Amino acid sequence: MAAEKKRIGRQTPTKSFVLPYKKSLSDEAVALYSQTGRTAMEWQSLLLKDIMAVNDDGCWTHMTVGYSIPRRNGKTEDVYMREIWGLHKGEQILHTAHENSTSHASFESLVDLLNAMGYEEKKDYIKNSALGNERITMIETKGVIKYRTRTKVGGLGLGFDLLVVDEAQEYTDTHRSALEYTISSSQNPQAIMLGTPPTQSSKGTVFVQYRDACLSGSAEDSMWAEWSIEQIAEDRTKTDLWYETNPLLGQTLPERNVRRELSQEEIDFNIQRLGVWLTYSQSSAITEPEWEHLKCDKLPAFTGRLFAGIKYGKDNRNVALSVAVRTDDGRIFVEALDCRPISQGNGWLIDFLQQADVEKVIIDGANGQSIFVEEMKDCRVSVKAVLPTVAQVIEANTLFTRGLAGDVAHSGQPSLAQAATHCEKRAIGTNGGFGYQSQSEDIDIALLDSAIFAYWGCSTTKKVKKQRISY
């Protein structure tokens, strides 16, 4: 009787976006890697084939690469193969990571691989082991790889052919602005981002945005691959899910090791081991389920006049406008109307206040509120304007937070939902007061703030009771 074939994890991505190509240089990289005594796993060879695909001109088909795999599956080995090949071709390489320890560990791993290939320090390559300034230079080819921890200015003024972004779930827009131009002067540049789906503590935004662009088909000269399940597993003990998302399971990753991880928090296990990509921030002060619960399936009947909230952002970039109005079932409906660059002026805000039936407008933001009030006077806008004090700002945020228990209603606007479910509390004053701030650099909290002020204006204004006259 034939022996039962050993079960191993899925070797192809569960979800991917790859451009068509006819040729790849991956065989060269795999052959070099084999000189270390190691053998590339099937999934690693298949993924590397896509990464190192070239067009008819010999340039990379995918100038930008991104891939996500659950932990302990050997995701960095593909990068090592690509880097070893690049060093042999004389490439200038920048390898970045979120943590200094991760960057240094990758440096030591590549040195070990070069030694395993038979290369000798000082004879074949020169290394600098100084923490934070690691570097390997191949003497014959002049290929160089530098290792850095990502900072706001890291990489500025430097030029490379290959940019590696390890721990890409922590890659922020600030990091990208400092690094994306480092490969612009190369005749054949490539950037590779690798990591896991963002966790509760992750602050990165670029990885998520890039994934969305690839899977929607809007990314150019790019590829994406991931091992994941679509949503939180109802039963995470199912081994079929483990094998679907972990290519090294049954090989170098035993089942018993994964079973041990079941003691971890449910969402964390789903992200770290099953590759789930959540559509909301887990650490947000306002959670997606909490916000979704307040969504109206259809617009409720409104009663009374509108209340407007205007917020000038602290960074002097944008100004946001929202409105609030009471509903006949006793709630307060909020809606964001727009968020525009301050450079566009206040004309659109003035136009709205002149045309809409607004009882009161709350204006916050020292960088714009006084100017706007003067413009209201010049344009003879009769709406009552309120410039909230610090105490009133605290009150507004407190009342809105309490209103999340059921008093707030909204229509499910994506822009407002994004701001609400990606925020965290910030301290105001010294007596426990708080407001909200964005968890992401590319999400403007001014949109949520304007809705909060509109809600506050509506909730603190007494209803005008109709006078009844009897004879």
Protein backbone atom coordinates (compact mmCIF):
# COMPACT_ATOMS: atom_id res chain seq x y z
CA MET A 1 0.00 0.00 0.00
CA ALA A 2 1.37 3.41 -0.99
CA ALA A 3 2.28 5.70 1.88
CA GLU A 4 -0.13 8.55 2.49
CA LYS A 5 1.21 11.82 1.10
CA LYS A 6 2.22 14.27 3.79
CA ARG A 7 -0.04 17.29 3.97
CA ILE A 8 1.62 20.68 3.55
CA GLY A 9 0.37 24.26 3.45
CA ARG A 10 -0.95 25.94 0.34
CA GLN A 11 1.94 26.93 -1.96
CA THR A 12 0.11 29.53 -4.04
CA PRO A 13 -1.44 32.80 -2.78
CA THR A 14 -5.10 32.81 -1.81
CA LYS A 15 -5.35 36.23 -3.45
CA SER A 16 -3.02 37.93 -5.91
CA PHE A 17 -2.59 40.54 -8.62
CA VAL A 18 0.20 39.80 -11.12
CA LEU A 19 0.85 41.39 -14.51
CA PRO A 20 1.40 39.07 -17.50
CA TYR A 21 5.01 38.32 -18.42
CA LYS A 22 7.05 35.88 -20.49
CA LYS A 23 10.43 35.86 -18.76
CA SER A 24 11.77 35.88 -15.20
CA LEU A 25 15.30 36.01 -13.76
CA SER A 26 14.30 34.07 -10.65
CA ASP A 27 16.15 30.89 -11.73
CA GLU A 28 19.43 32.82 -11.44
CA ALA A 29 18.56 33.96 -7.92
CA VAL A 30 17.42 30.47 -6.82
CA ALA A 31 20.64 28.96 -8.20
CA LEU A 32 22.75 31.42 -6.19
CA TYR A 33 20.66 30.75 -3.08
CA SER A 34 21.18 27.00 -3.45
CA GLN A 35 24.93 27.58 -3.02
CA THR A 36 24.19 28.32 0.65
CA GLY A 37 23.09 24.71 1.15
CA ARG A 38 19.47 25.76 1.52
CA THR A 39 16.64 24.85 -0.84
CA ALA A 40 13.98 27.34 -1.81
CA MET A 41 10.49 26.18 -0.88
CA GLU A 42 7.98 25.79 -3.70
CA TRP A 43 5.97 28.86 -2.67
CA GLN A 44 9.15 30.92 -2.40
CA SER A 45 10.27 29.94 -5.92
CA LEU A 46 6.83 30.65 -7.37
CA LEU A 47 6.58 34.04 -5.69
CA LEU A 48 10.13 34.98 -6.68
CA LYS A 49 9.32 34.15 -10.28
CA ASP A 50 6.65 36.86 -10.23
CA ILE A 51 8.86 39.30 -8.34
CA MET A 52 11.74 38.96 -10.81
CA ALA A 53 9.64 38.99 -13.99
CA VAL A 54 11.13 41.21 -16.72
CA ASN A 55 9.77 42.76 -19.91
CA ASP A 56 11.26 42.73 -23.40
CA ASP A 57 13.64 45.55 -22.44
CA GLY A 58 14.98 43.55 -19.49
CA CYS A 59 13.36 45.89 -16.95
CA TRP A 60 11.27 44.72 -14.01
CA THR A 61 7.65 44.00 -14.95
CA HIS A 62 6.68 44.82 -11.39
CA MET A 63 8.45 47.98 -10.25
CA THR A 64 6.60 47.73 -6.95
CA VAL A 65 5.96 44.43 -5.15
CA GLY A 66 3.91 43.71 -2.07
CA TYR A 67 3.18 40.45 -0.30
CA SER A 68 1.69 39.37 3.00
CA ILE A 69 2.11 36.00 4.73
CA PRO A 70 1.36 34.91 8.31
CA ARG A 71 4.30 34.81 10.70
CA ARG A 72 7.02 32.13 10.77
CA ASN A 73 6.55 31.15 7.12
CA GLY A 74 9.92 32.35 5.86
CA LYS A 75 8.68 35.46 4.08
CA THR A 76 12.09 37.19 4.21
CA GLU A 77 13.90 34.38 2.34
CA ASP A 78 12.54 35.65 -0.98
CA VAL A 79 14.02 39.05 -0.21
CA TYR A 80 17.38 37.45 0.67
CA MET A 81 17.40 35.63 -2.67
CA ARG A 82 16.61 38.87 -4.50
CA GLU A 83 19.28 40.77 -2.54
CA ILE A 84 22.00 38.16 -3.14
CA TRP A 85 21.24 38.30 -6.86
CA GLY A 86 21.35 42.10 -6.74
CA LEU A 87 24.72 42.14 -4.99
CA HIS A 88 26.13 39.88 -7.71
CA LYS A 89 24.81 42.29 -10.34
CA GLY A 90 26.31 45.35 -8.67
CA GLU A 91 23.01 46.79 -7.44
CA GLN A 92 22.77 49.44 -4.72
CA ILE A 93 20.24 48.17 -2.16
CA LEU A 94 18.51 49.75 0.85
CA HIS A 95 16.92 47.31 3.32
CA THR A 96 14.63 49.04 5.85
CA ALA A 97 12.65 47.80 8.84
CA HIS A 98 10.47 49.29 11.57
CA GLU A 99 12.61 47.98 14.42
CA ASN A 100 16.38 48.25 14.73
CA SER A 101 16.54 44.64 15.89
CA THR A 102 14.75 43.42 12.74
CA SER A 103 17.05 45.38 10.46
CA HIS A 104 20.17 44.06 12.22
CA ALA A 105 18.85 40.49 12.18
CA SER A 106 18.43 40.70 8.39
CA PHE A 107 21.98 42.01 8.07
CA GLU A 108 23.34 39.09 10.09
CA SER A 109 21.25 36.61 8.09
CA LEU A 110 22.64 37.85 4.78
CA VAL A 111 26.20 37.72 6.11
CA ASP A 112 25.59 34.11 7.16
CA LEU A 113 24.25 33.28 3.69
CA LEU A 114 27.29 34.83 1.99
CA ASN A 115 29.60 32.86 4.29
CA ALA A 116 27.67 29.67 3.54
CA MET A 117 28.23 30.34 -0.17
CA GLY A 118 31.96 30.29 0.45
CA TYR A 119 32.60 34.01 0.43
CA GLU A 120 35.12 35.39 2.89
CA GLU A 121 35.04 38.70 4.69
CA LYS A 122 37.71 41.20 3.49
CA LYS A 123 38.56 38.91 0.56
CA ASP A 124 35.16 38.82 -1.15
CA TYR A 125 33.12 41.34 0.78
CA ILE A 126 33.46 44.10 3.36
CA LYS A 127 30.96 44.58 6.14
CA ASN A 128 30.18 47.27 8.69
CA SER A 129 28.39 45.79 11.71
CA ALA A 130 27.71 49.06 13.58
CA LEU A 131 24.12 48.98 14.82
CA GLY A 132 22.02 51.35 12.76
CA ASN A 133 24.66 51.70 10.06
CA GLU A 134 25.08 48.11 8.83
CA ARG A 135 26.47 47.67 5.34
CA ILE A 136 27.78 44.93 3.04
CA THR A 137 29.91 45.68 -0.03
CA MET A 138 30.88 43.05 -2.59
CA ILE A 139 34.49 43.73 -3.61
CA GLU A 140 34.30 42.35 -7.16
CA THR A 141 30.88 43.61 -8.33
CA LYS A 142 30.73 46.77 -6.15
CA GLY A 143 27.23 45.74 -5.13
CA VAL A 144 26.19 47.37 -1.84
CA ILE A 145 23.38 46.78 0.64
CA LYS A 146 22.68 49.16 3.51
CA TYR A 147 20.39 48.50 6.48
CA ARG A 148 18.38 51.25 8.14
CA THR A 149 15.51 51.72 10.57
CA ARG A 150 12.80 53.88 9.03
CA THR A 151 12.60 57.50 10.17
CA LYS A 152 11.05 60.72 8.86
CA VAL A 153 14.28 61.63 7.03
CA GLY A 154 15.95 58.23 6.62
CA GLY A 155 17.21 57.76 3.05
CA LEU A 156 16.98 61.38 1.94
CA GLY A 157 19.80 62.26 -0.45
CA LEU A 158 20.68 58.60 -1.13
CA GLY A 159 20.20 56.65 -4.36
CA PHE A 160 19.46 52.93 -4.77
CA ASP A 161 18.26 50.36 -7.29
CA LEU A 162 16.29 48.22 -4.84
CA LEU A 163 14.29 49.36 -1.82
CA VAL A 164 13.14 46.70 0.65
CA VAL A 165 10.44 47.62 3.17
CA ASP A 166 10.29 44.89 5.83
CA GLU A 167 7.55 45.01 8.50
CA ALA A 168 5.52 46.92 5.90
CA GLN A 169 2.42 46.98 8.14
CA GLU A 170 4.26 49.78 9.98
CA TYR A 171 5.16 51.74 6.82
CA THR A 172 3.68 55.25 7.11
CA ASP A 173 3.18 58.04 4.58
CA THR A 174 5.93 59.99 6.33
CA HIS A 175 8.34 57.09 5.82
CA ARG A 176 7.29 56.75 2.19
CA SER A 177 7.88 60.43 1.44
CA ALA A 178 11.43 60.02 2.77
CA LEU A 179 12.16 56.79 0.88
CA GLU A 180 10.17 56.59 -2.36
CA TYR A 181 12.52 58.91 -4.25
CA THR A 182 15.66 57.02 -3.25
CA ILE A 183 15.25 54.69 -6.25
CA SER A 184 14.02 57.29 -8.75
CA SER A 185 17.43 57.80 -10.38
CA SER A 186 17.95 54.06 -11.02
CA GLN A 187 17.64 52.84 -14.61
CA ASN A 188 15.74 49.78 -13.39
CA PRO A 189 14.28 50.44 -9.92
CA GLN A 190 12.26 48.08 -7.78
CA ALA A 191 10.60 48.37 -4.36
CA ILE A 192 9.50 45.34 -2.33
CA MET A 193 7.14 45.59 0.65
CA LEU A 194 6.60 42.53 2.84
CA GLY A 195 4.78 42.00 6.09
CA THR A 196 1.60 40.82 7.77
CA PRO A 197 -1.85 42.43 7.99
CA PRO A 198 -1.96 45.39 10.42
CA THR A 199 -2.61 44.54 14.06
CA GLN A 200 -4.11 46.58 16.88
CA SER A 201 -0.83 48.43 17.45
CA SER A 202 0.10 48.99 13.79
CA LYS A 203 0.35 52.60 12.63
CA GLY A 204 1.22 52.05 8.98
CA THR A 205 -1.09 53.12 6.16
CA VAL A 206 0.89 52.54 2.94
CA PHE A 207 0.67 48.72 2.95
CA VAL A 208 -3.12 48.76 3.24
CA GLN A 209 -3.51 51.41 0.55
CA TYR A 210 -1.18 49.57 -1.81
CA ARG A 211 -3.04 46.29 -1.31
CA ASP A 212 -6.36 47.97 -2.04
CA ALA A 213 -4.95 49.57 -5.20
CA CYS A 214 -3.60 46.27 -6.51
CA LEU A 215 -6.70 44.21 -5.76
CA SER A 216 -8.91 46.85 -7.35
CA GLY A 217 -6.73 46.78 -10.47
CA SER A 218 -5.76 50.44 -10.24
CA ALA A 219 -2.04 49.95 -9.47
CA GLU A 220 0.41 50.24 -12.37
CA ASP A 221 3.64 48.24 -12.80
CA SER A 222 2.80 46.47 -9.55
CA MET A 223 2.01 43.07 -8.08
CA TRP A 224 0.45 41.76 -4.88
CA ALA A 225 0.24 38.33 -3.22
CA GLU A 226 -1.24 37.23 0.09
CA TRP A 227 -2.15 34.13 2.07
CA SER A 228 -5.34 34.93 3.96
CA ILE A 229 -8.95 34.14 4.75
CA GLU A 230 -11.70 36.62 3.92
CA GLN A 231 -13.07 37.27 7.41
CA ILE A 232 -12.71 36.37 11.07
CA ALA A 233 -12.97 32.58 11.39
CA GLU A 234 -16.00 31.35 13.31
CA ASP A 235 -13.97 28.31 14.33
CA ARG A 236 -10.25 29.00 14.33
CA THR A 237 -9.45 25.45 15.41
CA LYS A 238 -10.16 24.16 11.88
CA THR A 239 -6.84 22.94 10.52
CA ASP A 240 -8.06 23.43 6.94
CA LEU A 241 -7.80 27.17 7.55
CA TRP A 242 -4.27 26.79 8.87
CA TYR A 243 -3.13 24.89 5.79
CA GLU A 244 -4.84 27.37 3.49
CA THR A 245 -2.89 30.33 4.87
CA ASN A 246 0.48 28.94 5.98
CA PRO A 247 2.68 27.57 3.16
CA LEU A 248 5.27 26.11 5.55
CA LEU A 249 2.71 24.23 7.67
CA GLY A 250 3.53 20.53 7.65
CA GLN A 251 7.11 21.32 6.64
CA THR A 252 9.12 23.53 8.99
CA LEU A 253 6.02 24.72 10.85
CA PRO A 254 4.37 21.87 12.83
CA GLU A 255 0.65 21.76 13.57
CA ARG A 256 1.32 21.54 17.29
CA ASN A 257 3.05 24.95 17.20
CA VAL A 258 -0.06 26.54 15.68
CA ARG A 259 -2.31 24.71 18.13
CA ARG A 260 -0.34 26.24 20.96
CA GLU A 261 -1.11 29.70 19.56
CA LEU A 262 -4.85 29.15 19.99
CA SER A 263 -4.45 30.50 23.51
CA GLN A 264 -3.78 33.92 21.98
CA GLU A 265 -6.54 36.52 21.63
CA GLU A 266 -9.00 35.60 18.86
CA ILE A 267 -8.53 38.60 16.56
CA ASP A 268 -4.76 38.51 16.96
CA PHE A 269 -4.70 34.81 15.98
CA ASN A 270 -6.86 35.55 12.95
CA ILE A 271 -4.49 38.29 11.81
CA GLN A 272 -1.12 36.77 12.69
CA ARG A 273 -1.83 33.15 11.76
CA LEU A 274 -4.75 33.26 9.30
CA GLY A 275 -3.82 36.49 7.53
CA VAL A 276 -7.15 38.33 7.98
CA TRP A 277 -7.23 41.92 6.76
CA LEU A 278 -9.66 43.92 8.88
CA THR A 279 -11.37 46.89 7.27
CA TYR A 280 -11.32 48.97 10.43
CA SER A 281 -8.84 49.97 13.10
CA GLN A 282 -9.05 47.66 16.10
CA SER A 283 -7.58 50.25 18.41
CA SER A 284 -9.94 53.03 17.37
CA ALA A 285 -11.74 54.80 20.21
CA ILE A 286 -14.90 54.36 18.14
CA THR A 287 -15.10 50.83 16.74
CA GLU A 288 -16.60 49.88 13.40
CA PRO A 289 -19.39 47.75 14.96
CA GLU A 290 -20.20 50.61 17.33
CA TRP A 291 -20.41 53.12 14.46
CA GLU A 292 -22.25 50.71 12.14
CA HIS A 293 -24.90 50.14 14.82
CA LEU A 294 -25.87 53.83 14.57
CA LYS A 295 -26.42 53.71 10.81
CA CYS A 296 -29.94 54.40 9.53
CA ASP A 297 -31.27 51.95 6.94
CA LYS A 298 -33.29 54.82 5.51
CA LEU A 299 -33.31 58.53 6.23
CA PRO A 300 -35.47 59.31 9.26
CA ALA A 301 -37.96 62.14 9.37
CA PHE A 302 -36.33 65.37 10.52
CA THR A 303 -37.73 67.98 12.84
CA GLY A 304 -36.44 71.47 13.48
CA ARG A 305 -33.64 73.48 11.88
CA LEU A 306 -30.08 72.50 10.98
CA PHE A 307 -27.00 73.03 13.14
CA ALA A 308 -23.65 73.38 11.40
CA GLY A 309 -20.17 72.53 12.62
CA ILE A 310 -17.04 73.97 11.01
CA LYS A 311 -13.58 72.77 11.94
CA TYR A 312 -10.30 74.25 10.72
CA GLY A 313 -7.61 71.56 10.89
CA LYS A 314 -4.55 72.11 13.06
CA ASP A 315 -2.18 71.54 10.15
CA ASN A 316 -3.65 74.50 8.22
CA ARG A 317 -4.55 72.23 5.32
CA ASN A 318 -8.29 71.60 5.42
CA VAL A 319 -11.56 72.93 6.74
CA ALA A 320 -14.53 70.59 7.23
CA LEU A 321 -18.29 71.21 7.35
CA SER A 322 -20.96 68.97 8.87
CA VAL A 323 -24.58 69.38 9.91
CA ALA A 324 -26.84 67.90 12.57
CA VAL A 325 -30.61 67.84 12.93
CA ARG A 326 -33.09 66.24 15.29
CA THR A 327 -35.17 63.29 14.14
CA ASP A 328 -38.77 62.64 15.03
CA ASP A 329 -37.73 59.57 17.06
CA GLY A 330 -35.56 61.66 19.40
CA ARG A 331 -32.10 61.06 17.93
CA ILE A 332 -29.68 63.54 16.35
CA PHE A 333 -28.69 62.83 12.75
CA VAL A 334 -25.20 63.96 11.68
CA GLU A 335 -23.82 64.21 8.18
CA ALA A 336 -20.49 65.45 6.79
CA LEU A 337 -20.98 67.82 3.85
CA ASP A 338 -17.42 68.49 2.68
CA CYS A 339 -13.75 68.84 3.61
CA ARG A 340 -11.76 71.20 1.41
CA PRO A 341 -8.28 72.77 1.39
CA ILE A 342 -8.16 76.04 3.33
CA SER A 343 -6.47 77.54 0.26
CA GLN A 344 -9.84 77.41 -1.54
CA GLY A 345 -11.17 80.09 0.79
CA ASN A 346 -14.39 80.33 2.76
CA GLY A 347 -16.77 81.16 -0.06
CA TRP A 348 -18.32 77.70 -0.17
CA LEU A 349 -19.01 77.83 3.57
CA ILE A 350 -20.61 81.26 3.29
CA ASP A 351 -22.77 80.06 0.38
CA PHE A 352 -24.04 77.13 2.43
CA LEU A 353 -24.96 79.26 5.45
CA GLN A 354 -26.78 81.74 3.22
CA GLN A 355 -28.84 79.07 1.47
CA ALA A 356 -29.55 76.47 4.18
CA ASP A 357 -31.94 76.78 7.11
CA VAL A 358 -29.23 76.86 9.80
CA GLU A 359 -30.07 77.97 13.32
CA LYS A 360 -26.54 78.00 14.71
CA VAL A 361 -22.99 77.37 13.44
CA ILE A 362 -20.17 76.26 15.73
CA ILE A 363 -16.73 77.26 14.41
CA ASP A 364 -13.53 75.83 15.88
CA GLY A 365 -9.89 76.24 14.92
CA ALA A 366 -7.85 79.27 15.95
CA ASN A 367 -6.22 79.39 12.52
CA GLY A 368 -9.47 80.24 10.76
CA GLN A 369 -12.45 80.94 13.01
CA SER A 370 -11.92 84.67 13.59
CA ILE A 371 -11.40 85.35 9.87
CA PHE A 372 -14.53 83.38 9.03
CA VAL A 373 -16.65 85.30 11.53
CA GLU A 374 -15.52 88.58 9.95
CA GLU A 375 -16.43 87.23 6.51
CA MET A 376 -19.86 86.26 7.85
CA LYS A 377 -20.37 89.87 8.97
CA ASP A 378 -19.19 91.27 5.65
CA CYS A 379 -21.60 88.97 3.78
CA ARG A 380 -24.41 89.72 6.24
CA VAL A 381 -24.91 86.09 7.21
CA SER A 382 -27.51 86.15 9.97
CA VAL A 383 -26.77 82.69 11.41
CA LYS A 384 -25.69 82.77 15.05
CA ALA A 385 -22.00 81.88 15.33
CA VAL A 386 -20.45 80.17 18.36
CA LEU A 387 -16.69 80.02 18.94
CA PRO A 388 -16.37 77.30 21.59
CA THR A 389 -14.12 77.70 24.60
CA VAL A 390 -11.83 74.88 25.74
CA ALA A 391 -14.46 73.85 28.29
CA GLN A 392 -17.11 73.73 25.57
CA VAL A 393 -14.86 71.69 23.27
CA ILE A 394 -14.46 69.16 26.07
CA GLU A 395 -18.23 69.20 26.66
CA ALA A 396 -18.90 68.64 22.94
CA ASN A 397 -16.65 65.59 22.77
CA THR A 398 -18.07 64.18 26.00
CA LEU A 399 -21.69 64.56 24.86
CA PHE A 400 -20.94 63.05 21.46
CA THR A 401 -19.19 60.08 23.08
CA ARG A 402 -22.22 59.49 25.30
CA GLY A 403 -24.43 59.86 22.24
CA LEU A 404 -22.71 56.87 20.65
CA ALA A 405 -24.81 54.74 22.99
CA GLY A 406 -27.76 55.38 20.70
CA ASP A 407 -28.52 59.08 20.43
CA VAL A 408 -26.34 59.62 17.33
CA ALA A 409 -27.63 58.64 13.89
CA HIS A 410 -25.94 58.76 10.47
CA SER A 411 -26.33 57.47 6.91
CA GLY A 412 -23.10 55.47 6.74
CA GLN A 413 -21.00 57.95 4.75
CA PRO A 414 -17.64 56.29 3.94
CA SER A 415 -15.61 59.46 4.61
CA LEU A 416 -17.16 60.09 8.03
CA ALA A 417 -17.02 56.38 8.92
CA GLN A 418 -13.33 56.29 8.05
CA ALA A 419 -12.57 59.24 10.33
CA ALA A 420 -14.74 57.88 13.15
CA THR A 421 -13.33 54.33 13.12
CA HIS A 422 -9.69 55.40 12.87
CA CYS A 423 -9.45 57.76 15.82
CA GLU A 424 -8.05 57.75 19.30
CA LYS A 425 -8.61 60.00 22.30
CA ARG A 426 -6.27 62.88 23.08
CA ALA A 427 -6.08 64.79 26.33
CA ILE A 428 -7.47 68.34 26.50
CA GLY A 429 -6.65 70.39 29.57
CA THR A 430 -5.53 68.89 32.87
CA ASN A 431 -8.82 67.70 34.36
CA GLY A 432 -9.51 64.61 32.29
CA GLY A 433 -11.00 66.36 29.27
CA PHE A 434 -10.50 64.74 25.88
CA GLY A 435 -10.97 65.13 22.16
CA TYR A 436 -10.19 62.89 19.19
CA GLN A 437 -7.20 62.62 16.92
CA SER A 438 -6.60 60.54 13.81
CA GLN A 439 -4.66 57.28 13.93
CA SER A 440 -3.60 57.75 10.32
CA GLU A 441 -1.70 60.55 8.64
CA ASP A 442 -3.94 60.48 5.58
CA ILE A 443 -7.28 60.69 7.43
CA ASP A 444 -8.31 64.20 8.49
CA ILE A 445 -9.92 64.23 11.92
CA ALA A 446 -11.44 67.65 11.10
CA LEU A 447 -14.32 65.83 9.40
CA LEU A 448 -15.26 64.03 12.63
CA ASP A 449 -14.67 67.16 14.71
CA SER A 450 -17.06 69.18 12.57
CA ALA A 451 -19.75 66.53 13.04
CA ILE A 452 -19.14 66.55 16.80
CA PHE A 453 -19.60 70.32 16.97
CA ALA A 454 -22.77 70.17 14.87
CA TYR A 455 -24.09 67.46 17.20
CA TRP A 456 -23.19 69.54 20.26
CA GLY A 457 -24.93 72.62 18.88
CA CYS A 458 -28.06 70.60 18.21
CA SER A 459 -28.12 68.69 21.49
CA THR A 460 -27.56 71.75 23.72
CA THR A 461 -30.14 73.98 22.04
CA LYS A 462 -33.56 73.70 23.56
CA LYS A 463 -36.46 72.91 21.30
CA VAL A 464 -38.76 75.82 20.65
CA LYS A 465 -42.19 74.82 21.86
CA LYS A 466 -45.08 76.03 19.83
CA GLN A 467 -47.26 78.38 21.80
CA ARG A 468 -50.82 77.19 22.22
CA ILE A 469 -53.51 79.81 22.58
CA SER A 470 -56.91 78.88 23.90
CA TYR A 471 -60.05 80.90 24.51
